[in-house]
Amino acid sequence: MTNDAFSAAASLDELLTRTQQALAAMRSRATVHADGEPGDLLRAEGVAADGRVRAVAVQGGRLDSVAVDPELAGEPLEALCGHVVAAVNAALAELDVQVSASARADADALAARLGGLPDQAELFSATMHEVAARIRRDRAAASRAARPV
């Protein structure tokens, strides 16, 4: 019975530890991505003007690069700026989709880990009740044995 209590406590402790680690990893990844190297960040590309204007956005809402085909140099500046804005907006929209999917996956993984918590807590509680009952029985038996006849 005592081994069951230690086993249940160890399982519960392990589940809580893994959950805390998952939360810490999610928090640190968000911090690293906000300040990290571009290679470590989610990236998305947007295009405009039939692919002649390309923009790359990285996690944190920053623009990593913009490339404009030199053939567009003869276009009016207003039209060229419109293409750049369209490419950047497309990249940011795709980046939003990626960030949302990543956050959803993290939340799903955390929910899966937490899903076992009620079962572990119930097992731990039941085992503790059994241990307490055994201690009471052992104390009562010891008390009866110690009484003079």
C-alpha atoms as a PDB file:
ATOM      1  CA  MET A   1       0.000   0.000   0.000  1.00  0.00           C
ATOM      2  CA  THR A   2       2.814   2.416   0.878  1.00  0.00           C
ATOM      3  CA  ASN A   3       4.493   1.780  -2.470  1.00  0.00           C
ATOM      4  CA  ASP A   4       1.187   2.640  -4.171  1.00  0.00           C
ATOM      5  CA  ALA A   5       1.164   6.004  -2.389  1.00  0.00           C
ATOM      6  CA  PHE A   6       4.703   6.757  -3.444  1.00  0.00           C
ATOM      7  CA  SER A   7       3.965   5.597  -6.981  1.00  0.00           C
ATOM      8  CA  ALA A   8       0.843   7.775  -7.209  1.00  0.00           C
ATOM      9  CA  ALA A   9       2.696  10.759  -5.753  1.00  0.00           C
ATOM     10  CA  ALA A  10       5.598  10.239  -8.147  1.00  0.00           C
ATOM     11  CA  SER A  11       3.216  10.008 -11.134  1.00  0.00           C
ATOM     12  CA  LEU A  12       1.391  13.158 -10.090  1.00  0.00           C
ATOM     13  CA  ASP A  13       4.651  14.980  -9.456  1.00  0.00           C
ATOM     14  CA  GLU A  14       6.005  13.884 -12.829  1.00  0.00           C
ATOM     15  CA  LEU A  15       2.855  15.071 -14.611  1.00  0.00           C
ATOM     16  CA  LEU A  16       3.019  18.444 -12.881  1.00  0.00           C
ATOM     17  CA  THR A  17       6.732  18.756 -13.640  1.00  0.00           C
ATOM     18  CA  ARG A  18       6.209  17.979 -17.335  1.00  0.00           C
ATOM     19  CA  THR A  19       3.357  20.470 -17.500  1.00  0.00           C
ATOM     20  CA  GLN A  20       5.509  23.177 -15.889  1.00  0.00           C
ATOM     21  CA  GLN A  21       8.287  22.385 -18.366  1.00  0.00           C
ATOM     22  CA  ALA A  22       5.866  22.657 -21.288  1.00  0.00           C
ATOM     23  CA  LEU A  23       4.645  26.044 -20.052  1.00  0.00           C
ATOM     24  CA  ALA A  24       8.219  27.236 -19.542  1.00  0.00           C
ATOM     25  CA  ALA A  25       9.168  26.085 -23.041  1.00  0.00           C
ATOM     26  CA  MET A  26       6.185  27.904 -24.532  1.00  0.00           C
ATOM     27  CA  ARG A  27       7.098  31.093 -22.674  1.00  0.00           C
ATOM     28  CA  SER A  28      10.799  30.921 -23.517  1.00  0.00           C
ATOM     29  CA  ARG A  29      10.121  30.151 -27.158  1.00  0.00           C
ATOM     30  CA  ALA A  30       7.930  33.248 -27.394  1.00  0.00           C
ATOM     31  CA  THR A  31      10.714  35.311 -25.806  1.00  0.00           C
ATOM     32  CA  VAL A  32      13.400  33.817 -28.016  1.00  0.00           C
ATOM     33  CA  HIS A  33      11.324  34.377 -31.150  1.00  0.00           C
ATOM     34  CA  ALA A  34      10.681  37.990 -30.284  1.00  0.00           C
ATOM     35  CA  ASP A  35      14.418  38.694 -29.933  1.00  0.00           C
ATOM     36  CA  GLY A  36      15.932  35.735 -31.809  1.00  0.00           C
ATOM     37  CA  GLU A  37      17.786  35.337 -35.018  1.00  0.00           C
ATOM     38  CA  PRO A  38      15.688  35.383 -38.193  1.00  0.00           C
ATOM     39  CA  GLY A  39      16.465  31.669 -38.790  1.00  0.00           C
ATOM     40  CA  ASP A  40      14.797  30.797 -35.474  1.00  0.00           C
ATOM     41  CA  LEU A  41      11.587  32.631 -36.273  1.00  0.00           C
ATOM     42  CA  LEU A  42       8.486  31.651 -38.185  1.00  0.00           C
ATOM     43  CA  ARG A  43       8.758  33.151 -41.657  1.00  0.00           C
ATOM     44  CA  ALA A  44       6.214  33.917 -44.362  1.00  0.00           C
ATOM     45  CA  GLU A  45       6.521  35.276 -47.862  1.00  0.00           C
ATOM     46  CA  GLY A  46       4.045  37.456 -49.686  1.00  0.00           C
ATOM     47  CA  VAL A  47       4.119  38.336 -53.359  1.00  0.00           C
ATOM     48  CA  ALA A  48       2.554  40.986 -55.578  1.00  0.00           C
ATOM     49  CA  ALA A  49       2.779  42.170 -59.176  1.00  0.00           C
ATOM     50  CA  ASP A  50       2.743  38.585 -60.490  1.00  0.00           C
ATOM     51  CA  GLY A  51       5.649  37.601 -58.240  1.00  0.00           C
ATOM     52  CA  ARG A  52       7.856  40.529 -59.193  1.00  0.00           C
ATOM     53  CA  VAL A  53       7.626  41.986 -55.672  1.00  0.00           C
ATOM     54  CA  ARG A  54       8.397  39.689 -52.737  1.00  0.00           C
ATOM     55  CA  ALA A  55       8.316  40.443 -49.018  1.00  0.00           C
ATOM     56  CA  VAL A  56       9.368  38.172 -46.146  1.00  0.00           C
ATOM     57  CA  ALA A  57       7.926  38.770 -42.687  1.00  0.00           C
ATOM     58  CA  VAL A  58       9.187  37.072 -39.525  1.00  0.00           C
ATOM     59  CA  GLN A  59       7.517  36.290 -36.252  1.00  0.00           C
ATOM     60  CA  GLY A  60       7.032  39.356 -34.130  1.00  0.00           C
ATOM     61  CA  GLY A  61       5.533  41.279 -37.054  1.00  0.00           C
ATOM     62  CA  ARG A  62       8.869  42.388 -38.453  1.00  0.00           C
ATOM     63  CA  LEU A  63       9.795  42.667 -42.087  1.00  0.00           C
ATOM     64  CA  ASP A  64      12.878  40.619 -42.972  1.00  0.00           C
ATOM     65  CA  SER A  65      13.292  41.513 -46.624  1.00  0.00           C
ATOM     66  CA  VAL A  66      11.690  43.068 -49.678  1.00  0.00           C
ATOM     67  CA  ALA A  67      12.782  42.268 -53.226  1.00  0.00           C
ATOM     68  CA  VAL A  68      11.597  44.195 -56.264  1.00  0.00           C
ATOM     69  CA  ASP A  69      12.241  43.018 -59.805  1.00  0.00           C
ATOM     70  CA  PRO A  70      14.352  45.697 -61.562  1.00  0.00           C
ATOM     71  CA  GLU A  71      11.908  45.617 -64.497  1.00  0.00           C
ATOM     72  CA  LEU A  72       9.454  47.492 -62.268  1.00  0.00           C
ATOM     73  CA  ALA A  73      11.807  50.475 -62.043  1.00  0.00           C
ATOM     74  CA  GLY A  74       9.951  52.205 -64.848  1.00  0.00           C
ATOM     75  CA  GLU A  75       6.576  52.046 -63.100  1.00  0.00           C
ATOM     76  CA  PRO A  76       5.185  55.080 -61.303  1.00  0.00           C
ATOM     77  CA  LEU A  77       6.358  55.295 -57.692  1.00  0.00           C
ATOM     78  CA  GLU A  78       2.772  55.145 -56.403  1.00  0.00           C
ATOM     79  CA  ALA A  79       2.141  51.838 -58.229  1.00  0.00           C
ATOM     80  CA  LEU A  80       5.450  50.386 -57.028  1.00  0.00           C
ATOM     81  CA  CYS A  81       4.661  51.342 -53.436  1.00  0.00           C
ATOM     82  CA  GLY A  82       1.225  49.723 -53.826  1.00  0.00           C
ATOM     83  CA  HIS A  83       2.890  46.460 -54.910  1.00  0.00           C
ATOM     84  CA  VAL A  84       5.235  46.574 -51.924  1.00  0.00           C
ATOM     85  CA  VAL A  85       2.344  47.185 -49.532  1.00  0.00           C
ATOM     86  CA  ALA A  86       0.390  44.289 -51.085  1.00  0.00           C
ATOM     87  CA  ALA A  87       3.358  41.906 -50.795  1.00  0.00           C
ATOM     88  CA  VAL A  88       4.046  42.926 -47.186  1.00  0.00           C
ATOM     89  CA  ASN A  89       0.378  42.556 -46.223  1.00  0.00           C
ATOM     90  CA  ALA A  90       0.254  39.107 -47.847  1.00  0.00           C
ATOM     91  CA  ALA A  91       3.364  38.050 -45.923  1.00  0.00           C
ATOM     92  CA  LEU A  92       1.952  39.340 -42.629  1.00  0.00           C
ATOM     93  CA  ALA A  93      -1.380  37.575 -43.248  1.00  0.00           C
ATOM     94  CA  GLU A  94       0.414  34.272 -43.893  1.00  0.00           C
ATOM     95  CA  LEU A  95       2.560  34.831 -40.818  1.00  0.00           C
ATOM     96  CA  ASP A  96      -0.587  35.321 -38.713  1.00  0.00           C
ATOM     97  CA  VAL A  97      -1.878  31.963 -39.950  1.00  0.00           C
ATOM     98  CA  GLN A  98       1.415  30.245 -39.029  1.00  0.00           C
ATOM     99  CA  VAL A  99       1.603  31.855 -35.584  1.00  0.00           C
ATOM    100  CA  SER A 100      -2.008  30.909 -34.839  1.00  0.00           C
ATOM    101  CA  ALA A 101      -1.406  27.317 -35.928  1.00  0.00           C
ATOM    102  CA  SER A 102       1.743  27.127 -33.793  1.00  0.00           C
ATOM    103  CA  ALA A 103      -0.039  28.543 -30.741  1.00  0.00           C
ATOM    104  CA  ARG A 104      -2.966  26.165 -31.279  1.00  0.00           C
ATOM    105  CA  ALA A 105      -0.569  23.194 -31.467  1.00  0.00           C
ATOM    106  CA  ASP A 106       1.148  24.307 -28.245  1.00  0.00           C
ATOM    107  CA  ALA A 107      -2.199  24.702 -26.493  1.00  0.00           C
ATOM    108  CA  ASP A 108      -3.374  21.283 -27.724  1.00  0.00           C
ATOM    109  CA  ALA A 109      -0.175  19.638 -26.477  1.00  0.00           C
ATOM    110  CA  LEU A 110      -0.544  21.302 -23.095  1.00  0.00           C
ATOM    111  CA  ALA A 111      -4.209  20.298 -22.865  1.00  0.00           C
ATOM    112  CA  ALA A 112      -3.251  16.695 -23.624  1.00  0.00           C
ATOM    113  CA  ARG A 113      -0.697  16.746 -20.812  1.00  0.00           C
ATOM    114  CA  LEU A 114      -3.152  18.289 -18.405  1.00  0.00           C
ATOM    115  CA  GLY A 115      -5.831  15.796 -19.420  1.00  0.00           C
ATOM    116  CA  GLY A 116      -4.257  13.105 -17.222  1.00  0.00           C
ATOM    117  CA  LEU A 117      -4.121  15.333 -14.168  1.00  0.00           C
ATOM    118  CA  PRO A 118      -7.603  14.508 -12.783  1.00  0.00           C
ATOM    119  CA  ASP A 119      -6.933  10.752 -13.046  1.00  0.00           C
ATOM    120  CA  GLN A 120      -3.565  11.111 -11.321  1.00  0.00           C
ATOM    121  CA  ALA A 121      -5.052  13.317  -8.609  1.00  0.00           C
ATOM    122  CA  GLU A 122      -7.901  10.849  -8.017  1.00  0.00           C
ATOM    123  CA  LEU A 123      -5.450   7.942  -7.753  1.00  0.00           C
ATOM    124  CA  PHE A 124      -3.263   9.924  -5.382  1.00  0.00           C
ATOM    125  CA  SER A 125      -6.229  10.905  -3.211  1.00  0.00           C
ATOM    126  CA  ALA A 126      -7.566   7.349  -3.021  1.00  0.00           C
ATOM    127  CA  THR A 127      -4.122   6.025  -2.145  1.00  0.00           C
ATOM    128  CA  MET A 128      -3.672   8.649   0.579  1.00  0.00           C
ATOM    129  CA  HIS A 129      -7.050   7.674   2.091  1.00  0.00           C
ATOM    130  CA  GLU A 130      -5.955   4.027   2.108  1.00  0.00           C
ATOM    131  CA  VAL A 131      -2.643   4.942   3.751  1.00  0.00           C
ATOM    132  CA  ALA A 132      -4.425   7.032   6.408  1.00  0.00           C
ATOM    133  CA  ALA A 133      -6.813   4.147   7.153  1.00  0.00           C
ATOM    134  CA  ARG A 134      -3.883   1.746   7.474  1.00  0.00           C
ATOM    135  CA  ILE A 135      -2.077   4.118   9.857  1.00  0.00           C
ATOM    136  CA  ARG A 136      -5.225   4.391  11.999  1.00  0.00           C
ATOM    137  CA  ARG A 137      -5.568   0.578  12.081  1.00  0.00           C
ATOM    138  CA  ASP A 138      -1.885   0.151  12.949  1.00  0.00           C
ATOM    139  CA  ARG A 139      -2.115   2.746  15.745  1.00  0.00           C
ATOM    140  CA  ALA A 140      -5.269   1.127  17.153  1.00  0.00           C
ATOM    141  CA  ALA A 141      -3.621  -2.294  17.084  1.00  0.00           C
ATOM    142  CA  ALA A 142      -0.479  -0.939  18.756  1.00  0.00           C
ATOM    143  CA  SER A 143      -2.602   0.836  21.384  1.00  0.00           C
ATOM    144  CA  ARG A 144      -4.519  -2.387  22.163  1.00  0.00           C
ATOM    145  CA  ALA A 145      -1.271  -4.351  22.393  1.00  0.00           C
ATOM    146  CA  ALA A 146       0.243  -1.831  24.793  1.00  0.00           C
ATOM    147  CA  ARG A 147      -2.698  -1.935  27.259  1.00  0.00           C
ATOM    148  CA  PRO A 148      -2.229  -4.027  30.351  1.00  0.00           C
ATOM    149  CA  VAL A 149      -4.569  -6.984  30.618  1.00  0.00           C
END
